[in-house]
Structure formats: structure tokens, C-alpha cells
PDB file of N, CA and C in Angstrom:
ATOM      1  N   MET A   1     129.201 178.877 133.798  1.00  0.00           N
ATOM      2  CA  MET A   1     128.821 180.035 134.360  1.00  0.00           C
ATOM      3  C   MET A   1     127.468 179.731 134.961  1.00  0.00           C
ATOM      4  N   SER A   2     127.328 180.215 136.103  1.00  0.00           N
ATOM      5  CA  SER A   2     126.078 179.821 137.019  1.00  0.00           C
ATOM      6  C   SER A   2     124.776 180.628 136.435  1.00  0.00           C
ATOM      7  N   VAL A   3     123.682 179.952 136.936  1.00  0.00           N
ATOM      8  CA  VAL A   3     122.305 180.751 136.659  1.00  0.00           C
ATOM      9  C   VAL A   3     122.317 182.219 137.136  1.00  0.00           C
ATOM     10  N   ASP A   4     123.003 182.309 138.253  1.00  0.00           N
ATOM     11  CA  ASP A   4     122.837 183.744 138.981  1.00  0.00           C
ATOM     12  C   ASP A   4     123.737 184.545 138.044  1.00  0.00           C
ATOM     13  N   VAL A   5     124.755 184.155 137.481  1.00  0.00           N
ATOM     14  CA  VAL A   5     125.582 185.162 136.705  1.00  0.00           C
ATOM     15  C   VAL A   5     124.850 185.480 135.485  1.00  0.00           C
ATOM     16  N   ARG A   6     124.154 184.520 134.900  1.00  0.00           N
ATOM     17  CA  ARG A   6     123.334 184.684 133.727  1.00  0.00           C
ATOM     18  C   ARG A   6     122.206 185.807 133.977  1.00  0.00           C
ATOM     19  N   GLN A   7     121.636 185.534 135.018  1.00  0.00           N
ATOM     20  CA  GLN A   7     120.433 186.474 135.433  1.00  0.00           C
ATOM     21  C   GLN A   7     121.079 187.791 135.709  1.00  0.00           C
ATOM     22  N   ASP A   8     122.240 187.931 136.287  1.00  0.00           N
ATOM     23  CA  ASP A   8     122.883 189.223 136.494  1.00  0.00           C
ATOM     24  C   ASP A   8     123.252 189.874 135.090  1.00  0.00           C
ATOM     25  N   VAL A   9     123.701 189.125 134.132  1.00  0.00           N
ATOM     26  CA  VAL A   9     123.916 189.765 132.853  1.00  0.00           C
ATOM     27  C   VAL A   9     122.668 190.198 132.212  1.00  0.00           C
ATOM     28  N   TYR A  10     121.714 189.442 132.218  1.00  0.00           N
ATOM     29  CA  TYR A  10     120.381 189.799 131.796  1.00  0.00           C
ATOM     30  C   TYR A  10     119.738 191.093 132.294  1.00  0.00           C
ATOM     31  N   ILE A  11     119.958 191.156 133.624  1.00  0.00           N
ATOM     32  CA  ILE A  11     119.479 192.273 134.270  1.00  0.00           C
ATOM     33  C   ILE A  11     120.382 193.525 133.988  1.00  0.00           C
ATOM     34  N   MET A  12     121.572 193.321 133.937  1.00  0.00           N
ATOM     35  CA  MET A  12     122.462 194.593 133.479  1.00  0.00           C
ATOM     36  C   MET A  12     122.292 194.947 132.100  1.00  0.00           C
ATOM     37  N   MET A  13     121.993 194.048 131.244  1.00  0.00           N
ATOM     38  CA  MET A  13     121.518 194.438 129.776  1.00  0.00           C
ATOM     39  C   MET A  13     120.231 195.386 129.875  1.00  0.00           C
ATOM     40  N   SER A  14     119.261 194.719 130.446  1.00  0.00           N
ATOM     41  CA  SER A  14     117.922 195.412 130.560  1.00  0.00           C
ATOM     42  C   SER A  14     118.084 196.711 131.254  1.00  0.00           C
ATOM     43  N   MET A  15     118.833 196.896 132.240  1.00  0.00           N
ATOM     44  CA  MET A  15     119.088 198.083 132.849  1.00  0.00           C
ATOM     45  C   MET A  15     119.848 199.140 132.100  1.00  0.00           C
ATOM     46  N   THR A  16     120.626 198.686 131.422  1.00  0.00           N
ATOM     47  CA  THR A  16     121.492 199.732 130.361  1.00  0.00           C
ATOM     48  C   THR A  16     120.625 200.199 129.463  1.00  0.00           C
ATOM     49  N   VAL A  17     119.705 199.556 128.797  1.00  0.00           N
ATOM     50  CA  VAL A  17     118.667 199.977 127.958  1.00  0.00           C
ATOM     51  C   VAL A  17     117.698 200.893 128.473  1.00  0.00           C
ATOM     52  N   LEU A  18     117.276 200.539 129.739  1.00  0.00           N
ATOM     53  CA  LEU A  18     116.496 201.460 130.427  1.00  0.00           C
ATOM     54  C   LEU A  18     117.200 202.805 130.741  1.00  0.00           C
ATOM     55  N   VAL A  19     118.419 202.762 131.133  1.00  0.00           N
ATOM     56  CA  VAL A  19     119.149 204.009 131.468  1.00  0.00           C
ATOM     57  C   VAL A  19     119.327 204.821 130.083  1.00  0.00           C
ATOM     58  N   LEU A  20     119.514 204.190 128.994  1.00  0.00           N
ATOM     59  CA  LEU A  20     119.607 204.890 127.569  1.00  0.00           C
ATOM     60  C   LEU A  20     118.220 205.489 127.294  1.00  0.00           C
ATOM     61  N   VAL A  21     117.189 204.903 127.660  1.00  0.00           N
ATOM     62  CA  VAL A  21     115.788 205.414 127.480  1.00  0.00           C
ATOM     63  C   VAL A  21     115.630 206.734 128.361  1.00  0.00           C
ATOM     64  N   CYS A  22     115.968 206.533 129.581  1.00  0.00           N
ATOM     65  CA  CYS A  22     115.690 207.742 130.535  1.00  0.00           C
ATOM     66  C   CYS A  22     116.714 208.898 130.071  1.00  0.00           C
ATOM     67  N   ILE A  23     117.807 208.752 129.737  1.00  0.00           N
ATOM     68  CA  ILE A  23     118.860 209.619 129.120  1.00  0.00           C
ATOM     69  C   ILE A  23     118.048 210.311 127.956  1.00  0.00           C
ATOM     70  N   TRP A  24     117.629 209.452 127.107  1.00  0.00           N
ATOM     71  CA  TRP A  24     116.885 209.964 125.903  1.00  0.00           C
ATOM     72  C   TRP A  24     115.711 210.931 126.283  1.00  0.00           C
ATOM     73  N   HIS A  25     114.992 210.409 127.147  1.00  0.00           N
ATOM     74  CA  HIS A  25     113.741 211.318 127.633  1.00  0.00           C
ATOM     75  C   HIS A  25     114.406 212.565 128.309  1.00  0.00           C
ATOM     76  N   ALA A  26     115.468 212.764 128.806  1.00  0.00           N
ATOM     77  CA  ALA A  26     115.984 213.965 129.389  1.00  0.00           C
ATOM     78  C   ALA A  26     116.457 214.807 128.248  1.00  0.00           C
ATOM     79  N   ILE A  27     116.988 214.317 127.265  1.00  0.00           N
ATOM     80  CA  ILE A  27     117.440 215.032 126.099  1.00  0.00           C
ATOM     81  C   ILE A  27     116.281 215.707 125.182  1.00  0.00           C
ATOM     82  N   ILE A  28     115.174 214.905 124.781  1.00  0.00           N
ATOM     83  CA  ILE A  28     114.296 215.299 123.802  1.00  0.00           C
ATOM     84  C   ILE A  28     113.649 216.460 124.226  1.00  0.00           C
ATOM     85  N   PRO A  29     113.341 216.849 125.447  1.00  0.00           N
ATOM     86  CA  PRO A  29     112.685 218.067 125.606  1.00  0.00           C
ATOM     87  C   PRO A  29     113.512 219.421 125.228  1.00  0.00           C
ATOM     88  N   GLN A  30     114.758 219.249 125.322  1.00  0.00           N
ATOM     89  CA  GLN A  30     115.797 220.217 124.913  1.00  0.00           C
ATOM     90  C   GLN A  30     115.831 220.285 123.456  1.00  0.00           C
ATOM     91  N   ILE A  31     115.760 219.205 122.721  1.00  0.00           N
ATOM     92  CA  ILE A  31     115.773 219.356 121.289  1.00  0.00           C
ATOM     93  C   ILE A  31     114.410 219.916 120.781  1.00  0.00           C
ATOM     94  N   ALA A  32     113.353 219.726 121.526  1.00  0.00           N
ATOM     95  CA  ALA A  32     112.011 220.411 120.956  1.00  0.00           C
ATOM     96  C   ALA A  32     112.121 221.784 121.363  1.00  0.00           C
ATOM     97  N   ALA A  33     112.798 222.356 122.444  1.00  0.00           N
ATOM     98  CA  ALA A  33     112.737 223.728 122.807  1.00  0.00           C
ATOM     99  C   ALA A  33     113.760 224.412 121.866  1.00  0.00           C
ATOM    100  N   ASP A  34     114.892 223.785 121.456  1.00  0.00           N
ATOM    101  CA  ASP A  34     115.811 224.375 120.586  1.00  0.00           C
ATOM    102  C   ASP A  34     115.672 224.369 119.217  1.00  0.00           C
ATOM    103  N   TRP A  35     115.112 223.274 118.666  1.00  0.00           N
ATOM    104  CA  TRP A  35     114.981 223.010 117.205  1.00  0.00           C
ATOM    105  C   TRP A  35     113.650 222.685 116.749  1.00  0.00           C
ATOM    106  N   GLY A  36     112.664 222.761 117.617  1.00  0.00           N
ATOM    107  CA  GLY A  36     111.191 222.578 117.216  1.00  0.00           C
ATOM    108  C   GLY A  36     110.652 221.187 117.388  1.00  0.00           C
ATOM    109  N   LEU A  37     109.290 221.101 117.451  1.00  0.00           N
ATOM    110  CA  LEU A  37     108.732 219.820 117.567  1.00  0.00           C
ATOM    111  C   LEU A  37     108.886 218.813 116.607  1.00  0.00           C
ATOM    112  N   GLU A  38     108.886 219.337 115.342  1.00  0.00           N
ATOM    113  CA  GLU A  38     109.085 218.400 114.083  1.00  0.00           C
ATOM    114  C   GLU A  38     110.288 217.545 114.256  1.00  0.00           C
ATOM    115  N   LEU A  39     111.279 218.301 114.499  1.00  0.00           N
ATOM    116  CA  LEU A  39     112.729 217.537 114.484  1.00  0.00           C
ATOM    117  C   LEU A  39     112.849 216.647 115.854  1.00  0.00           C
ATOM    118  N   ALA A  40     112.060 217.111 117.029  1.00  0.00           N
ATOM    119  CA  ALA A  40     111.925 216.398 118.254  1.00  0.00           C
ATOM    120  C   ALA A  40     111.213 215.129 117.857  1.00  0.00           C
ATOM    121  N   HIS A  41     110.058 215.203 117.030  1.00  0.00           N
ATOM    122  CA  HIS A  41     109.244 213.928 116.802  1.00  0.00           C
ATOM    123  C   HIS A  41     109.963 212.993 116.104  1.00  0.00           C
ATOM    124  N   THR A  42     110.778 213.561 114.954  1.00  0.00           N
ATOM    125  CA  THR A  42     111.519 212.734 113.947  1.00  0.00           C
ATOM    126  C   THR A  42     112.551 211.796 114.653  1.00  0.00           C
ATOM    127  N   SER A  43     113.359 212.973 115.523  1.00  0.00           N
ATOM    128  CA  SER A  43     114.473 212.096 116.287  1.00  0.00           C
ATOM    129  C   SER A  43     113.957 211.115 117.284  1.00  0.00           C
ATOM    130  N   ASP A  44     112.814 211.480 117.854  1.00  0.00           N
ATOM    131  CA  ASP A  44     112.155 210.541 118.916  1.00  0.00           C
ATOM    132  C   ASP A  44     111.855 209.205 118.213  1.00  0.00           C
ATOM    133  N   VAL A  45     111.259 209.184 116.989  1.00  0.00           N
ATOM    134  CA  VAL A  45     110.993 207.985 116.339  1.00  0.00           C
ATOM    135  C   VAL A  45     112.288 207.251 116.049  1.00  0.00           C
ATOM    136  N   VAL A  46     113.200 208.043 115.417  1.00  0.00           N
ATOM    137  CA  VAL A  46     114.383 207.372 115.082  1.00  0.00           C
ATOM    138  C   VAL A  46     115.238 206.603 116.254  1.00  0.00           C
ATOM    139  N   VAL A  47     115.159 207.319 117.329  1.00  0.00           N
ATOM    140  CA  VAL A  47     115.908 206.735 118.738  1.00  0.00           C
ATOM    141  C   VAL A  47     114.876 205.512 119.064  1.00  0.00           C
ATOM    142  N   LEU A  48     113.502 205.715 118.984  1.00  0.00           N
ATOM    143  CA  LEU A  48     112.726 204.537 119.478  1.00  0.00           C
ATOM    144  C   LEU A  48     113.078 203.403 118.674  1.00  0.00           C
ATOM    145  N   VAL A  49     113.310 203.540 117.402  1.00  0.00           N
ATOM    146  CA  VAL A  49     113.570 202.285 116.382  1.00  0.00           C
ATOM    147  C   VAL A  49     115.000 201.810 116.853  1.00  0.00           C
ATOM    148  N   LEU A  50     115.894 202.632 117.053  1.00  0.00           N
ATOM    149  CA  LEU A  50     117.295 202.273 117.263  1.00  0.00           C
ATOM    150  C   LEU A  50     117.368 201.659 118.751  1.00  0.00           C
ATOM    151  N   LEU A  51     116.757 202.228 119.881  1.00  0.00           N
ATOM    152  CA  LEU A  51     116.726 201.561 120.939  1.00  0.00           C
ATOM    153  C   LEU A  51     116.002 200.104 121.091  1.00  0.00           C
ATOM    154  N   GLY A  52     114.735 200.223 120.334  1.00  0.00           N
ATOM    155  CA  GLY A  52     113.965 198.949 120.272  1.00  0.00           C
ATOM    156  C   GLY A  52     114.787 197.825 119.588  1.00  0.00           C
ATOM    157  N   SER A  53     115.651 198.192 118.437  1.00  0.00           N
ATOM    158  CA  SER A  53     116.334 197.318 117.853  1.00  0.00           C
ATOM    159  C   SER A  53     117.531 196.847 118.652  1.00  0.00           C
ATOM    160  N   ILE A  54     118.031 197.673 119.392  1.00  0.00           N
ATOM    161  CA  ILE A  54     119.240 197.030 120.369  1.00  0.00           C
ATOM    162  C   ILE A  54     118.527 196.341 121.342  1.00  0.00           C
ATOM    163  N   PHE A  55     117.377 196.559 121.919  1.00  0.00           N
ATOM    164  CA  PHE A  55     116.646 195.793 123.003  1.00  0.00           C
ATOM    165  C   PHE A  55     116.466 194.355 122.439  1.00  0.00           C
ATOM    166  N   VAL A  56     115.934 194.342 121.237  1.00  0.00           N
ATOM    167  CA  VAL A  56     115.473 193.009 120.498  1.00  0.00           C
ATOM    168  C   VAL A  56     116.799 192.220 120.273  1.00  0.00           C
ATOM    169  N   ILE A  57     117.792 192.873 119.661  1.00  0.00           N
ATOM    170  CA  ILE A  57     118.993 192.112 119.339  1.00  0.00           C
ATOM    171  C   ILE A  57     119.633 191.627 120.535  1.00  0.00           C
ATOM    172  N   LEU A  58     119.713 192.269 121.659  1.00  0.00           N
ATOM    173  CA  LEU A  58     120.280 191.863 122.944  1.00  0.00           C
ATOM    174  C   LEU A  58     119.556 190.666 123.368  1.00  0.00           C
ATOM    175  N   HIS A  59     118.201 190.650 123.351  1.00  0.00           N
ATOM    176  CA  HIS A  59     117.463 189.483 123.756  1.00  0.00           C
ATOM    177  C   HIS A  59     117.709 188.230 122.920  1.00  0.00           C
ATOM    178  N   ILE A  60     117.966 188.645 121.516  1.00  0.00           N
ATOM    179  CA  ILE A  60     118.151 187.484 120.774  1.00  0.00           C
ATOM    180  C   ILE A  60     119.544 186.855 120.990  1.00  0.00           C
ATOM    181  N   VAL A  61     120.535 187.578 121.286  1.00  0.00           N
ATOM    182  CA  VAL A  61     121.820 187.262 121.503  1.00  0.00           C
ATOM    183  C   VAL A  61     121.851 186.526 122.824  1.00  0.00           C
ATOM    184  N   PHE A  62     121.229 186.990 123.796  1.00  0.00           N
ATOM    185  CA  PHE A  62     121.239 186.384 125.026  1.00  0.00           C
ATOM    186  C   PHE A  62     120.535 184.959 124.987  1.00  0.00           C
ATOM    187  N   ALA A  63     119.357 184.989 124.232  1.00  0.00           N
ATOM    188  CA  ALA A  63     118.517 183.461 124.179  1.00  0.00           C
ATOM    189  C   ALA A  63     119.605 182.598 123.452  1.00  0.00           C
ATOM    190  N   LEU A  64     120.256 183.068 122.318  1.00  0.00           N
ATOM    191  CA  LEU A  64     121.082 182.090 121.759  1.00  0.00           C
ATOM    192  C   LEU A  64     122.286 181.722 122.741  1.00  0.00           C
ATOM    193  N   TRP A  65     122.751 182.597 123.435  1.00  0.00           N
ATOM    194  CA  TRP A  65     123.931 182.327 124.300  1.00  0.00           C
ATOM    195  C   TRP A  65     123.499 181.332 125.389  1.00  0.00           C
ATOM    196  N   ILE A  66     122.345 181.409 125.884  1.00  0.00           N
ATOM    197  CA  ILE A  66     121.780 180.443 126.879  1.00  0.00           C
ATOM    198  C   ILE A  66     121.591 179.155 126.240  1.00  0.00           C
ATOM    199  N   ALA A  67     120.939 179.161 124.963  1.00  0.00           N
ATOM    200  CA  ALA A  67     120.619 177.888 124.234  1.00  0.00           C
ATOM    201  C   ALA A  67     121.984 177.154 124.143  1.00  0.00           C
ATOM    202  N   VAL A  68     123.029 177.794 123.713  1.00  0.00           N
ATOM    203  CA  VAL A  68     124.273 177.293 123.313  1.00  0.00           C
ATOM    204  C   VAL A  68     124.785 176.714 124.654  1.00  0.00           C
ATOM    205  N   ARG A  69     124.855 177.498 125.727  1.00  0.00           N
ATOM    206  CA  ARG A  69     125.278 176.915 126.917  1.00  0.00           C
ATOM    207  C   ARG A  69     124.477 175.837 127.541  1.00  0.00           C
ATOM    208  N   VAL A  70     123.302 175.844 127.480  1.00  0.00           N
ATOM    209  CA  VAL A  70     122.515 174.604 127.828  1.00  0.00           C
ATOM    210  C   VAL A  70     122.865 173.424 127.081  1.00  0.00           C
ATOM    211  N   ARG A  71     123.038 173.545 125.691  1.00  0.00           N
ATOM    212  CA  ARG A  71     123.265 172.514 124.941  1.00  0.00           C
ATOM    213  C   ARG A  71     124.685 171.910 125.165  1.00  0.00           C
ATOM    214  N   VAL A  72     125.663 172.777 125.432  1.00  0.00           N
ATOM    215  CA  VAL A  72     127.084 172.223 125.754  1.00  0.00           C
ATOM    216  C   VAL A  72     127.096 171.567 127.147  1.00  0.00           C
ATOM    217  N   HIS A  73     126.298 172.049 128.136  1.00  0.00           N
ATOM    218  CA  HIS A  73     126.038 171.434 129.473  1.00  0.00           C
ATOM    219  C   HIS A  73     125.514 170.011 129.383  1.00  0.00           C
ATOM    220  N   HIS A  74     124.436 169.999 128.516  1.00  0.00           N
ATOM    221  CA  HIS A  74     123.763 168.910 128.374  1.00  0.00           C
ATOM    222  C   HIS A  74     124.524 167.659 127.646  1.00  0.00           C
ATOM    223  N   THR A  75     125.413 168.208 126.720  1.00  0.00           N
ATOM    224  CA  THR A  75     126.281 167.215 126.095  1.00  0.00           C
ATOM    225  C   THR A  75     127.246 166.714 127.003  1.00  0.00           C
ATOM    226  N   LEU A  76     127.817 167.580 127.864  1.00  0.00           N
ATOM    227  CA  LEU A  76     128.855 167.294 128.771  1.00  0.00           C
ATOM    228  C   LEU A  76     128.394 166.233 129.781  1.00  0.00           C
ATOM    229  N   ILE A  77     127.019 166.363 130.200  1.00  0.00           N
ATOM    230  CA  ILE A  77     126.348 165.653 131.084  1.00  0.00           C
ATOM    231  C   ILE A  77     126.239 164.283 130.604  1.00  0.00           C
ATOM    232  N   ILE A  78     125.885 164.193 129.425  1.00  0.00           N
ATOM    233  CA  ILE A  78     125.679 162.758 128.544  1.00  0.00           C
ATOM    234  C   ILE A  78     126.956 162.227 128.414  1.00  0.00           C
ATOM    235  N   GLU A  79     128.038 162.866 128.132  1.00  0.00           N
ATOM    236  CA  GLU A  79     129.367 162.286 127.961  1.00  0.00           C
ATOM    237  C   GLU A  79     129.950 161.773 129.339  1.00  0.00           C
ATOM    238  N   ILE A  80     129.732 162.497 130.392  1.00  0.00           N
ATOM    239  CA  ILE A  80     130.141 162.002 131.780  1.00  0.00           C
ATOM    240  C   ILE A  80     129.485 160.770 132.068  1.00  0.00           C
ATOM    241  N   THR A  81     127.977 160.701 131.984  1.00  0.00           N
ATOM    242  CA  THR A  81     127.171 159.655 132.209  1.00  0.00           C
ATOM    243  C   THR A  81     127.586 158.374 131.358  1.00  0.00           C
ATOM    244  N   ALA A  82     127.795 158.545 130.096  1.00  0.00           N
ATOM    245  CA  ALA A  82     128.237 157.428 129.223  1.00  0.00           C
ATOM    246  C   ALA A  82     129.707 156.986 129.713  1.00  0.00           C
ATOM    247  N   LYS A  83     130.540 157.570 130.130  1.00  0.00           N
ATOM    248  CA  LYS A  83     131.738 157.110 130.844  1.00  0.00           C
ATOM    249  C   LYS A  83     131.671 156.394 131.964  1.00  0.00           C
ATOM    250  N   ARG A  84     130.702 156.820 132.785  1.00  0.00           N
ATOM    251  CA  ARG A  84     130.445 156.083 134.075  1.00  0.00           C
ATOM    252  C   ARG A  84     129.892 154.657 133.816  1.00  0.00           C
ATOM    253  N   LEU A  85     128.980 154.766 132.851  1.00  0.00           N
ATOM    254  CA  LEU A  85     128.269 153.322 132.543  1.00  0.00           C
ATOM    255  C   LEU A  85     129.242 152.355 131.989  1.00  0.00           C
ATOM    256  N   VAL A  86     130.346 152.756 131.367  1.00  0.00           N
ATOM    257  CA  VAL A  86     131.120 151.832 130.709  1.00  0.00           C
ATOM    258  C   VAL A  86     132.177 151.161 131.595  1.00  0.00           C
TER     259      VAL A  86
END
């Protein structure tokens, strides 16, 4: 997978989280109006933790994915170089 595709995946992941945050900010005023500020505040904290956790987990998975891909690519280059030297 090329660097451009990896960057596209990262951008799409980040944009997805951003869209979820925007959707939540559109919903929370309605919760406050219908059920009160206390419930709105509680749900806002819960969603903050949830979306923040998703964001961090996606970044950890992405970093691990990139690390594995680089390691595999590096190993492949070493094997090809070793075959050429023999």
C-alpha cells in the first residue's frame, strides 16, 4: 500500500471522528431542551469519553498498522538485497 493511501486512510478516520463530533454537537442542544441541562451535561461527558476513546484507539491501531507495514517492507528489502549479493 502506498504512502498516499495510508494518508488517505488516516484522513478518512480523522474526518469520521470529526463528523461524529459535529453530529453530537447538533444533538446535545435538543437533549438539553427536552430533558434538562443535567442530563445533557452527563451525556456530553459520556460521549466525550466515548469519542475520545475511539479517536485514541484508531490512532493506536493506525500506528501499529504502519509499524507492521514498515517492518514487513524493511524485511522484504533486506531479503531482496541479500539474494542479489549472493
